[in-house]
Amino acid sequence: MSSRDKGNFSESRACSYLEDRDFIIIERNYYAKKLGEIDIIASKDGILHFVEVKSALADFDPIYNLTKGKLKKVINSAFYFMKERKLHMAFSIDAMIIRDEEIEFIENITM
């Protein structure tokens, strides 16, 4: 399985996880021109959630792939999405860490 296939598989697992918790998936793999990509955009209770999904092999914790630079790209892309869609609402920058069978959802990672 290629790294792209693994990423798509992890993002599908993340979407299922969110949907099981009453999130509505708005978009996957949103690309904000030169700013970057957001893996999942979802909503729940009137709040938009911009979710970065990270997964890796068992011998490396994927949380270490969530870098300051990647976080900055997600934030800039989220603001671009909000501006492009003319949205004025509460939002959260979140991370979904997938380790084998374990899924950890971390909300508001910028706080």
N, C-alpha and C. Protein backbone atom coordinates (compact mmCIF):
# COMPACT_ATOMS: atom_id res chain seq x y z
N MET A 1 0.86 -1.18 0.00
CA MET A 1 0.00 0.00 0.00
C MET A 1 0.90 1.24 0.00
N SER A 2 0.64 2.15 -0.92
CA SER A 2 1.45 3.37 -1.02
C SER A 2 1.14 4.30 0.14
N SER A 3 2.00 5.28 0.35
CA SER A 3 1.77 6.24 1.44
C SER A 3 0.50 7.04 1.19
N ARG A 4 0.19 7.32 -0.08
CA ARG A 4 -1.06 8.03 -0.41
C ARG A 4 -2.27 7.17 -0.05
N ASP A 5 -2.20 5.87 -0.37
CA ASP A 5 -3.28 4.95 -0.02
C ASP A 5 -3.46 4.85 1.49
N LYS A 6 -2.34 4.79 2.21
CA LYS A 6 -2.40 4.74 3.68
C LYS A 6 -3.04 6.01 4.22
N GLY A 7 -2.67 7.15 3.65
CA GLY A 7 -3.24 8.42 4.08
C GLY A 7 -4.73 8.48 3.84
N ASN A 8 -5.16 8.04 2.65
CA ASN A 8 -6.59 8.02 2.34
C ASN A 8 -7.35 7.07 3.27
N PHE A 9 -6.74 5.92 3.56
CA PHE A 9 -7.36 4.96 4.48
C PHE A 9 -7.51 5.58 5.87
N SER A 10 -6.45 6.26 6.35
CA SER A 10 -6.50 6.90 7.66
C SER A 10 -7.54 8.01 7.69
N GLU A 11 -7.62 8.78 6.64
CA GLU A 11 -8.62 9.86 6.58
C GLU A 11 -10.04 9.29 6.55
N SER A 12 -10.23 8.17 5.88
CA SER A 12 -11.55 7.53 5.88
C SER A 12 -11.91 7.03 7.27
N ARG A 13 -10.95 6.46 7.97
CA ARG A 13 -11.18 6.03 9.36
C ARG A 13 -11.51 7.23 10.24
N ALA A 14 -10.81 8.34 10.02
CA ALA A 14 -11.06 9.55 10.80
C ALA A 14 -12.47 10.08 10.54
N CYS A 15 -12.89 10.07 9.28
CA CYS A 15 -14.25 10.52 8.94
C CYS A 15 -15.30 9.64 9.62
N SER A 16 -15.09 8.34 9.59
CA SER A 16 -16.03 7.42 10.25
C SER A 16 -16.10 7.70 11.74
N TYR A 17 -14.94 7.93 12.34
CA TYR A 17 -14.87 8.24 13.77
C TYR A 17 -15.69 9.49 14.07
N LEU A 18 -15.52 10.52 13.27
CA LEU A 18 -16.24 11.77 13.49
C LEU A 18 -17.74 11.59 13.26
N GLU A 19 -18.10 10.91 12.18
CA GLU A 19 -19.52 10.69 11.89
C GLU A 19 -20.21 9.89 13.00
N ASP A 20 -19.49 8.94 13.59
CA ASP A 20 -20.04 8.16 14.71
C ASP A 20 -20.30 9.03 15.93
N ARG A 21 -19.69 10.21 15.95
CA ARG A 21 -19.86 11.16 17.06
C ARG A 21 -20.69 12.37 16.63
N ASP A 22 -21.49 12.18 15.62
CA ASP A 22 -22.46 13.18 15.14
C ASP A 22 -21.85 14.40 14.47
N PHE A 23 -20.64 14.30 13.96
CA PHE A 23 -20.06 15.36 13.13
C PHE A 23 -20.60 15.18 11.71
N ILE A 24 -20.75 16.27 11.01
CA ILE A 24 -21.12 16.23 9.59
C ILE A 24 -19.87 16.59 8.79
N ILE A 25 -19.48 15.72 7.89
CA ILE A 25 -18.30 15.96 7.06
C ILE A 25 -18.70 16.95 5.96
N ILE A 26 -18.03 18.09 5.93
CA ILE A 26 -18.29 19.13 4.93
C ILE A 26 -17.43 18.90 3.69
N GLU A 27 -16.16 18.59 3.93
CA GLU A 27 -15.23 18.44 2.80
C GLU A 27 -14.01 17.66 3.25
N ARG A 28 -13.41 16.95 2.29
CA ARG A 28 -12.14 16.25 2.53
C ARG A 28 -11.11 16.80 1.56
N ASN A 29 -9.87 16.87 2.02
CA ASN A 29 -8.75 17.30 1.19
C ASN A 29 -8.99 18.65 0.52
N TYR A 30 -9.38 19.61 1.33
CA TYR A 30 -9.59 20.98 0.83
C TYR A 30 -8.23 21.62 0.60
N TYR A 31 -8.00 22.09 -0.60
CA TYR A 31 -6.73 22.72 -0.95
C TYR A 31 -6.94 24.22 -1.09
N ALA A 32 -6.23 24.99 -0.27
CA ALA A 32 -6.35 26.45 -0.25
C ALA A 32 -5.20 27.08 -1.03
N LYS A 33 -5.28 26.95 -2.34
CA LYS A 33 -4.27 27.51 -3.25
C LYS A 33 -2.86 27.18 -2.75
N LYS A 34 -2.03 28.18 -2.53
CA LYS A 34 -0.64 27.93 -2.13
C LYS A 34 -0.47 27.82 -0.61
N LEU A 35 -1.55 27.91 0.14
CA LEU A 35 -1.46 27.91 1.59
C LEU A 35 -1.30 26.52 2.17
N GLY A 36 -1.98 25.55 1.60
CA GLY A 36 -1.90 24.19 2.10
C GLY A 36 -3.22 23.46 1.99
N GLU A 37 -3.26 22.30 2.61
CA GLU A 37 -4.42 21.42 2.52
C GLU A 37 -4.96 21.13 3.91
N ILE A 38 -6.27 20.98 3.98
CA ILE A 38 -6.92 20.55 5.22
C ILE A 38 -7.50 19.17 4.93
N ASP A 39 -7.16 18.20 5.77
CA ASP A 39 -7.59 16.83 5.53
C ASP A 39 -9.11 16.69 5.61
N ILE A 40 -9.70 17.21 6.69
CA ILE A 40 -11.14 17.08 6.89
C ILE A 40 -11.70 18.39 7.43
N ILE A 41 -12.82 18.81 6.86
CA ILE A 41 -13.58 19.92 7.42
C ILE A 41 -14.93 19.35 7.82
N ALA A 42 -15.27 19.49 9.08
CA ALA A 42 -16.51 18.92 9.61
C ALA A 42 -17.22 19.96 10.47
N SER A 43 -18.48 19.70 10.77
CA SER A 43 -19.19 20.60 11.67
C SER A 43 -19.97 19.80 12.71
N LYS A 44 -20.14 20.43 13.84
CA LYS A 44 -20.94 19.86 14.93
C LYS A 44 -21.35 21.00 15.85
N ASP A 45 -22.62 21.04 16.17
CA ASP A 45 -23.15 22.04 17.10
C ASP A 45 -22.80 23.47 16.70
N GLY A 46 -22.83 23.76 15.40
CA GLY A 46 -22.58 25.12 14.92
C GLY A 46 -21.12 25.54 14.92
N ILE A 47 -20.21 24.59 15.08
CA ILE A 47 -18.77 24.88 15.08
C ILE A 47 -18.12 24.12 13.93
N LEU A 48 -17.31 24.82 13.15
CA LEU A 48 -16.53 24.17 12.09
C LEU A 48 -15.26 23.58 12.70
N HIS A 49 -14.92 22.39 12.28
CA HIS A 49 -13.71 21.72 12.76
C HIS A 49 -12.81 21.45 11.56
N PHE A 50 -11.62 22.01 11.61
CA PHE A 50 -10.59 21.78 10.60
C PHE A 50 -9.64 20.74 11.18
N VAL A 51 -9.66 19.54 10.60
CA VAL A 51 -8.99 18.39 11.22
C VAL A 51 -7.79 17.96 10.39
N GLU A 52 -6.64 17.92 11.03
CA GLU A 52 -5.42 17.39 10.45
C GLU A 52 -5.26 15.95 10.92
N VAL A 53 -5.15 15.01 9.99
CA VAL A 53 -5.03 13.60 10.31
C VAL A 53 -3.57 13.18 10.19
N LYS A 54 -3.08 12.52 11.23
CA LYS A 54 -1.71 12.02 11.22
C LYS A 54 -1.71 10.56 11.61
N SER A 55 -1.01 9.76 10.81
CA SER A 55 -0.86 8.33 11.11
C SER A 55 0.55 7.93 10.69
N ALA A 56 1.02 6.82 11.25
CA ALA A 56 2.37 6.36 10.92
C ALA A 56 2.50 4.89 11.30
N LEU A 57 3.63 4.34 10.97
CA LEU A 57 3.91 2.96 11.33
C LEU A 57 3.98 2.81 12.85
N ALA A 58 3.83 1.59 13.32
CA ALA A 58 3.77 1.32 14.76
C ALA A 58 5.02 1.76 15.52
N ASP A 59 6.17 1.81 14.85
CA ASP A 59 7.41 2.15 15.55
C ASP A 59 7.68 3.66 15.62
N PHE A 60 6.73 4.47 15.14
CA PHE A 60 6.91 5.92 15.16
C PHE A 60 5.58 6.55 15.52
N ASP A 61 5.57 7.37 16.57
CA ASP A 61 4.31 8.00 16.99
C ASP A 61 3.98 9.14 16.03
N PRO A 62 2.82 9.08 15.37
CA PRO A 62 2.47 10.09 14.36
C PRO A 62 2.28 11.49 14.92
N ILE A 63 2.15 11.64 16.21
CA ILE A 63 1.99 12.99 16.77
C ILE A 63 3.20 13.86 16.45
N TYR A 64 4.35 13.22 16.24
CA TYR A 64 5.56 13.97 15.93
C TYR A 64 5.55 14.53 14.51
N ASN A 65 4.60 14.08 13.69
CA ASN A 65 4.45 14.65 12.35
C ASN A 65 3.61 15.92 12.35
N LEU A 66 3.07 16.27 13.49
CA LEU A 66 2.28 17.50 13.62
C LEU A 66 3.24 18.62 14.04
N THR A 67 3.82 19.26 13.04
CA THR A 67 4.85 20.26 13.28
C THR A 67 4.27 21.67 13.34
N LYS A 68 5.08 22.58 13.83
CA LYS A 68 4.68 23.99 13.88
C LYS A 68 4.37 24.52 12.48
N GLY A 69 5.18 24.14 11.51
CA GLY A 69 4.97 24.57 10.12
C GLY A 69 3.68 24.03 9.55
N LYS A 70 3.39 22.75 9.82
CA LYS A 70 2.15 22.15 9.32
C LYS A 70 0.94 22.81 9.97
N LEU A 71 1.03 23.06 11.25
CA LEU A 71 -0.06 23.72 11.98
C LEU A 71 -0.33 25.11 11.41
N LYS A 72 0.73 25.84 11.08
CA LYS A 72 0.57 27.18 10.49
C LYS A 72 -0.17 27.10 9.15
N LYS A 73 0.16 26.09 8.35
CA LYS A 73 -0.51 25.91 7.06
C LYS A 73 -1.99 25.60 7.24
N VAL A 74 -2.31 24.77 8.23
CA VAL A 74 -3.72 24.43 8.49
C VAL A 74 -4.48 25.68 8.93
N ILE A 75 -3.89 26.46 9.81
CA ILE A 75 -4.54 27.69 10.29
C ILE A 75 -4.78 28.65 9.14
N ASN A 76 -3.76 28.89 8.33
CA ASN A 76 -3.91 29.80 7.18
C ASN A 76 -4.96 29.27 6.19
N SER A 77 -4.98 27.98 5.96
CA SER A 77 -5.95 27.38 5.06
C SER A 77 -7.37 27.49 5.63
N ALA A 78 -7.50 27.35 6.94
CA ALA A 78 -8.82 27.50 7.58
C ALA A 78 -9.35 28.91 7.41
N PHE A 79 -8.49 29.90 7.62
CA PHE A 79 -8.91 31.29 7.42
C PHE A 79 -9.28 31.54 5.96
N TYR A 80 -8.54 30.95 5.04
CA TYR A 80 -8.84 31.10 3.62
C TYR A 80 -10.21 30.50 3.31
N PHE A 81 -10.48 29.30 3.84
CA PHE A 81 -11.76 28.63 3.63
C PHE A 81 -12.90 29.51 4.14
N MET A 82 -12.74 30.06 5.34
CA MET A 82 -13.78 30.90 5.95
C MET A 82 -14.02 32.14 5.08
N LYS A 83 -12.94 32.76 4.61
CA LYS A 83 -13.07 33.97 3.79
C LYS A 83 -13.71 33.63 2.45
N GLU A 84 -13.25 32.57 1.82
CA GLU A 84 -13.77 32.16 0.51
C GLU A 84 -15.27 31.87 0.57
N ARG A 85 -15.71 31.26 1.64
CA ARG A 85 -17.13 30.89 1.79
C ARG A 85 -17.96 31.97 2.50
N LYS A 86 -17.27 33.07 2.87
CA LYS A 86 -17.93 34.18 3.58
C LYS A 86 -18.62 33.69 4.86
N LEU A 87 -17.89 32.91 5.63
CA LEU A 87 -18.42 32.35 6.87
C LEU A 87 -17.92 33.15 8.06
N HIS A 88 -18.80 33.39 8.98
CA HIS A 88 -18.46 34.08 10.23
C HIS A 88 -19.04 33.24 11.35
N MET A 89 -18.25 32.28 11.81
CA MET A 89 -18.74 31.37 12.85
C MET A 89 -17.56 30.82 13.64
N ALA A 90 -17.88 30.21 14.76
CA ALA A 90 -16.85 29.61 15.60
C ALA A 90 -16.20 28.44 14.86
N PHE A 91 -14.89 28.28 15.07
CA PHE A 91 -14.20 27.15 14.47
C PHE A 91 -13.12 26.64 15.39
N SER A 92 -12.64 25.45 15.10
CA SER A 92 -11.63 24.79 15.91
C SER A 92 -10.63 24.11 14.98
N ILE A 93 -9.36 24.22 15.32
CA ILE A 93 -8.30 23.49 14.62
C ILE A 93 -8.01 22.25 15.46
N ASP A 94 -8.20 21.08 14.86
CA ASP A 94 -8.11 19.83 15.59
C ASP A 94 -7.11 18.88 14.94
N ALA A 95 -6.73 17.85 15.69
CA ALA A 95 -5.86 16.81 15.16
C ALA A 95 -6.47 15.45 15.45
N MET A 96 -6.30 14.56 14.50
CA MET A 96 -6.72 13.17 14.66
C MET A 96 -5.46 12.34 14.52
N ILE A 97 -5.06 11.67 15.60
CA ILE A 97 -3.84 10.87 15.61
C ILE A 97 -4.26 9.40 15.55
N ILE A 98 -3.80 8.70 14.52
CA ILE A 98 -4.18 7.30 14.34
C ILE A 98 -2.94 6.43 14.52
N ARG A 99 -3.03 5.59 15.55
CA ARG A 99 -1.95 4.65 15.88
C ARG A 99 -2.54 3.25 15.80
N ASP A 100 -2.22 2.50 14.78
CA ASP A 100 -2.77 1.16 14.57
C ASP A 100 -4.29 1.19 14.76
N GLU A 101 -4.80 0.58 15.82
CA GLU A 101 -6.25 0.52 16.06
C GLU A 101 -6.74 1.66 16.95
N GLU A 102 -5.85 2.46 17.50
CA GLU A 102 -6.22 3.55 18.41
C GLU A 102 -6.39 4.85 17.64
N ILE A 103 -7.46 5.57 17.96
CA ILE A 103 -7.69 6.90 17.38
C ILE A 103 -7.81 7.89 18.51
N GLU A 104 -7.00 8.94 18.44
CA GLU A 104 -7.04 10.00 19.43
C GLU A 104 -7.45 11.30 18.73
N PHE A 105 -8.54 11.91 19.22
CA PHE A 105 -9.04 13.15 18.66
C PHE A 105 -8.71 14.26 19.63
N ILE A 106 -7.93 15.25 19.16
CA ILE A 106 -7.50 16.36 20.01
C ILE A 106 -8.10 17.64 19.43
N GLU A 107 -9.00 18.25 20.20
CA GLU A 107 -9.66 19.47 19.74
C GLU A 107 -8.88 20.69 20.19
N ASN A 108 -9.01 21.78 19.42
CA ASN A 108 -8.41 23.08 19.75
C ASN A 108 -6.91 22.99 20.01
N ILE A 109 -6.18 22.46 19.06
CA ILE A 109 -4.74 22.26 19.27
C ILE A 109 -3.95 23.56 19.24
N THR A 110 -4.60 24.66 18.87
CA THR A 110 -3.88 25.93 18.81
C THR A 110 -3.97 26.72 20.11
N MET A 111 -4.72 26.23 21.05
CA MET A 111 -4.88 26.97 22.32
C MET A 111 -3.69 26.78 23.23
